């Protein structure tokens, strides 16, 4: 999900993130897998699903959104404002030119 940085070029924050990824402890990716399975889920429901605090989920969602993996949408449920999270579709990673090339491919 995130590109690993060579240790000689890594900031302390990047080095810590890369160590978590190598150790299988990348919580953002764990959350992303749930969001991918259940698009449109609220922060609260994701927190219940992951057995995390809402704050931890919110922070992880913000990082995923900043990096372009998910999008959030404000909604209302039972008269209360909620933030729903969905994964970005695969084609949103492509440029218009790449999509046209993909459509014109012959198999």
Foldseek 3Di string as FASTA:
>chain_A
DDDQDPPVPDDPVSVVCNVCVVVVNNVLVVLLVVQAVPFFDWLVVSCVVVVHDSVVSVVSQVVCVVVQQKDWDWDDDPRDITITIHGDDPCVVDDPVVVVVVVPDDD
